[in-house]
Amino acid sequence: MKAKKASAVYFSRQVNQFLVRCKDERLRKNANEILDLLKMNYELGDKVPKRQWPRSYVKQLGLNNLYRCDLMEGWRLTYTLSFDGVGIRVDVIEVMPHTEYERRFGY
């Protein structure tokens, strides 16, 4: 399968703060690696079924798609895709530990 390159990758304020404040060097490096991989293939993550989308995401972001990527030690990264006039843009929404992911997504 051919990789689908993103025209751009943008981070939410929450993701930017996570990358700046994260004291776990391995986790920060892993998150940055995934962000680099998303630039090369925006379909890297797993598509989240619509029935599992957090209401807060839908209300704040007006989503029409949602993806998640596994990071090390149970951490998750969520993102959405949109067309930016040039190509497919990746908007990274959150990076969170698995327990928070489960709570937010109702597992």
C-alpha atoms as a PDB file:
ATOM      1  CA  MET A   1       0.000   0.000   0.000  1.00  0.00           C
ATOM      2  CA  LYS A   2       1.295   3.425  -0.957  1.00  0.00           C
ATOM      3  CA  ALA A   3       1.856   5.963   1.829  1.00  0.00           C
ATOM      4  CA  LYS A   4      -0.271   9.095   1.642  1.00  0.00           C
ATOM      5  CA  LYS A   5       1.833  12.172   2.387  1.00  0.00           C
ATOM      6  CA  ALA A   6       0.261  15.022   4.364  1.00  0.00           C
ATOM      7  CA  SER A   7       0.477  18.582   3.066  1.00  0.00           C
ATOM      8  CA  ALA A   8       0.939  19.790   6.666  1.00  0.00           C
ATOM      9  CA  VAL A   9       0.803  18.606  10.268  1.00  0.00           C
ATOM     10  CA  TYR A  10      -0.498  20.992  12.926  1.00  0.00           C
ATOM     11  CA  PHE A  11      -0.581  20.529  16.698  1.00  0.00           C
ATOM     12  CA  SER A  12      -3.238  21.701  19.096  1.00  0.00           C
ATOM     13  CA  ARG A  13      -2.116  23.843  21.999  1.00  0.00           C
ATOM     14  CA  GLN A  14      -2.473  20.784  24.257  1.00  0.00           C
ATOM     15  CA  VAL A  15      -0.079  18.752  22.085  1.00  0.00           C
ATOM     16  CA  ASN A  16       2.411  21.598  21.889  1.00  0.00           C
ATOM     17  CA  GLN A  17       2.350  21.954  25.684  1.00  0.00           C
ATOM     18  CA  PHE A  18       2.786  18.203  26.085  1.00  0.00           C
ATOM     19  CA  LEU A  19       5.868  18.214  23.825  1.00  0.00           C
ATOM     20  CA  VAL A  20       7.398  21.143  25.736  1.00  0.00           C
ATOM     21  CA  ARG A  21       6.581  19.927  29.252  1.00  0.00           C
ATOM     22  CA  CYS A  22       7.022  16.150  28.951  1.00  0.00           C
ATOM     23  CA  LYS A  23       9.856  15.096  31.235  1.00  0.00           C
ATOM     24  CA  ASP A  24       9.959  11.530  29.886  1.00  0.00           C
ATOM     25  CA  GLU A  25      12.524  11.859  27.089  1.00  0.00           C
ATOM     26  CA  ARG A  26      11.614   8.480  25.553  1.00  0.00           C
ATOM     27  CA  LEU A  27       7.901   9.341  25.414  1.00  0.00           C
ATOM     28  CA  ARG A  28       8.582  12.785  23.915  1.00  0.00           C
ATOM     29  CA  LYS A  29      10.900  11.213  21.341  1.00  0.00           C
ATOM     30  CA  ASN A  30       8.293   8.553  20.524  1.00  0.00           C
ATOM     31  CA  ALA A  31       5.580  11.218  20.078  1.00  0.00           C
ATOM     32  CA  ASN A  32       7.854  13.248  17.789  1.00  0.00           C
ATOM     33  CA  GLU A  33       8.637  10.117  15.751  1.00  0.00           C
ATOM     34  CA  ILE A  34       4.919   9.451  15.266  1.00  0.00           C
ATOM     35  CA  LEU A  35       4.375  13.087  14.247  1.00  0.00           C
ATOM     36  CA  ASP A  36       7.143  12.731  11.649  1.00  0.00           C
ATOM     37  CA  LEU A  37       5.583   9.485  10.404  1.00  0.00           C
ATOM     38  CA  LEU A  38       2.200  11.213  10.077  1.00  0.00           C
ATOM     39  CA  LYS A  39       3.813  13.692   7.676  1.00  0.00           C
ATOM     40  CA  MET A  40       4.801  10.755   5.487  1.00  0.00           C
ATOM     41  CA  ASN A  41       1.545   8.794   5.839  1.00  0.00           C
ATOM     42  CA  TYR A  42      -1.563  10.472   7.217  1.00  0.00           C
ATOM     43  CA  GLU A  43      -3.373   7.112   7.374  1.00  0.00           C
ATOM     44  CA  LEU A  44      -0.853   5.744   9.880  1.00  0.00           C
ATOM     45  CA  GLY A  45      -3.357   5.517  12.721  1.00  0.00           C
ATOM     46  CA  ASP A  46      -6.517   3.514  13.244  1.00  0.00           C
ATOM     47  CA  LYS A  47      -9.801   5.118  12.258  1.00  0.00           C
ATOM     48  CA  VAL A  48     -12.055   5.563  15.300  1.00  0.00           C
ATOM     49  CA  PRO A  49     -15.710   4.560  14.690  1.00  0.00           C
ATOM     50  CA  LYS A  50     -18.035   7.577  14.803  1.00  0.00           C
ATOM     51  CA  ARG A  51     -20.100   6.130  17.656  1.00  0.00           C
ATOM     52  CA  GLN A  52     -16.961   6.300  19.866  1.00  0.00           C
ATOM     53  CA  TRP A  53     -16.041   9.929  19.169  1.00  0.00           C
ATOM     54  CA  PRO A  54     -15.972  12.022  22.349  1.00  0.00           C
ATOM     55  CA  ARG A  55     -18.762  14.597  22.392  1.00  0.00           C
ATOM     56  CA  SER A  56     -16.252  17.254  23.407  1.00  0.00           C
ATOM     57  CA  TYR A  57     -14.312  16.638  20.176  1.00  0.00           C
ATOM     58  CA  VAL A  58     -17.439  16.874  18.033  1.00  0.00           C
ATOM     59  CA  LYS A  59     -18.679  20.003  19.824  1.00  0.00           C
ATOM     60  CA  GLN A  60     -15.349  21.871  19.806  1.00  0.00           C
ATOM     61  CA  LEU A  61     -13.884  20.676  16.518  1.00  0.00           C
ATOM     62  CA  GLY A  62     -16.822  19.751  14.290  1.00  0.00           C
ATOM     63  CA  LEU A  63     -15.117  16.520  13.220  1.00  0.00           C
ATOM     64  CA  ASN A  64     -15.964  14.388  10.230  1.00  0.00           C
ATOM     65  CA  ASN A  65     -13.160  11.846  10.897  1.00  0.00           C
ATOM     66  CA  LEU A  66     -10.985  10.785  13.803  1.00  0.00           C
ATOM     67  CA  TYR A  67      -7.859   8.643  14.043  1.00  0.00           C
ATOM     68  CA  ARG A  68      -5.672   7.401  16.893  1.00  0.00           C
ATOM     69  CA  CYS A  69      -2.100   6.158  17.072  1.00  0.00           C
ATOM     70  CA  ASP A  70      -0.581   4.055  19.821  1.00  0.00           C
ATOM     71  CA  LEU A  71       2.484   5.473  21.495  1.00  0.00           C
ATOM     72  CA  MET A  72       4.759   3.663  23.907  1.00  0.00           C
ATOM     73  CA  GLU A  73       3.580   2.372  27.282  1.00  0.00           C
ATOM     74  CA  GLY A  74      -0.124   2.792  26.557  1.00  0.00           C
ATOM     75  CA  TRP A  75      -0.111   6.445  25.501  1.00  0.00           C
ATOM     76  CA  ARG A  76      -2.412   7.524  22.652  1.00  0.00           C
ATOM     77  CA  LEU A  77      -2.345  10.320  20.091  1.00  0.00           C
ATOM     78  CA  THR A  78      -5.545  11.479  18.372  1.00  0.00           C
ATOM     79  CA  TYR A  79      -5.844  13.411  15.123  1.00  0.00           C
ATOM     80  CA  THR A  80      -8.233  14.426  12.374  1.00  0.00           C
ATOM     81  CA  LEU A  81      -7.782  15.037   8.649  1.00  0.00           C
ATOM     82  CA  SER A  82      -9.019  17.903   6.501  1.00  0.00           C
ATOM     83  CA  PHE A  83      -8.426  19.306   3.039  1.00  0.00           C
ATOM     84  CA  ASP A  84      -6.412  22.557   3.168  1.00  0.00           C
ATOM     85  CA  GLY A  85      -6.587  23.536  -0.508  1.00  0.00           C
ATOM     86  CA  VAL A  86      -3.239  21.910  -1.275  1.00  0.00           C
ATOM     87  CA  GLY A  87      -3.732  18.410   0.075  1.00  0.00           C
ATOM     88  CA  ILE A  88      -4.647  16.521   3.221  1.00  0.00           C
ATOM     89  CA  ARG A  89      -3.780  18.292   6.456  1.00  0.00           C
ATOM     90  CA  VAL A  90      -3.276  16.467   9.772  1.00  0.00           C
ATOM     91  CA  ASP A  91      -4.503  18.221  12.928  1.00  0.00           C
ATOM     92  CA  VAL A  92      -3.173  16.483  16.021  1.00  0.00           C
ATOM     93  CA  ILE A  93      -5.705  16.904  18.824  1.00  0.00           C
ATOM     94  CA  GLU A  94      -4.308  15.241  21.940  1.00  0.00           C
ATOM     95  CA  VAL A  95      -1.631  13.051  23.455  1.00  0.00           C
ATOM     96  CA  MET A  96      -2.864  11.209  26.544  1.00  0.00           C
ATOM     97  CA  PRO A  97      -2.208   8.183  28.734  1.00  0.00           C
ATOM     98  CA  HIS A  98      -4.289   5.068  28.112  1.00  0.00           C
ATOM     99  CA  THR A  99      -6.443   5.536  31.224  1.00  0.00           C
ATOM    100  CA  GLU A 100      -7.488   9.022  30.107  1.00  0.00           C
ATOM    101  CA  TYR A 101      -8.065   7.721  26.572  1.00  0.00           C
ATOM    102  CA  GLU A 102     -10.373   4.986  27.902  1.00  0.00           C
ATOM    103  CA  ARG A 103     -12.332   7.478  30.011  1.00  0.00           C
ATOM    104  CA  ARG A 104     -12.677  10.016  27.191  1.00  0.00           C
ATOM    105  CA  PHE A 105     -13.709   7.417  24.616  1.00  0.00           C
ATOM    106  CA  GLY A 106     -16.065   5.538  26.960  1.00  0.00           C
ATOM    107  CA  TYR A 107     -14.324   2.162  27.116  1.00  0.00           C
END
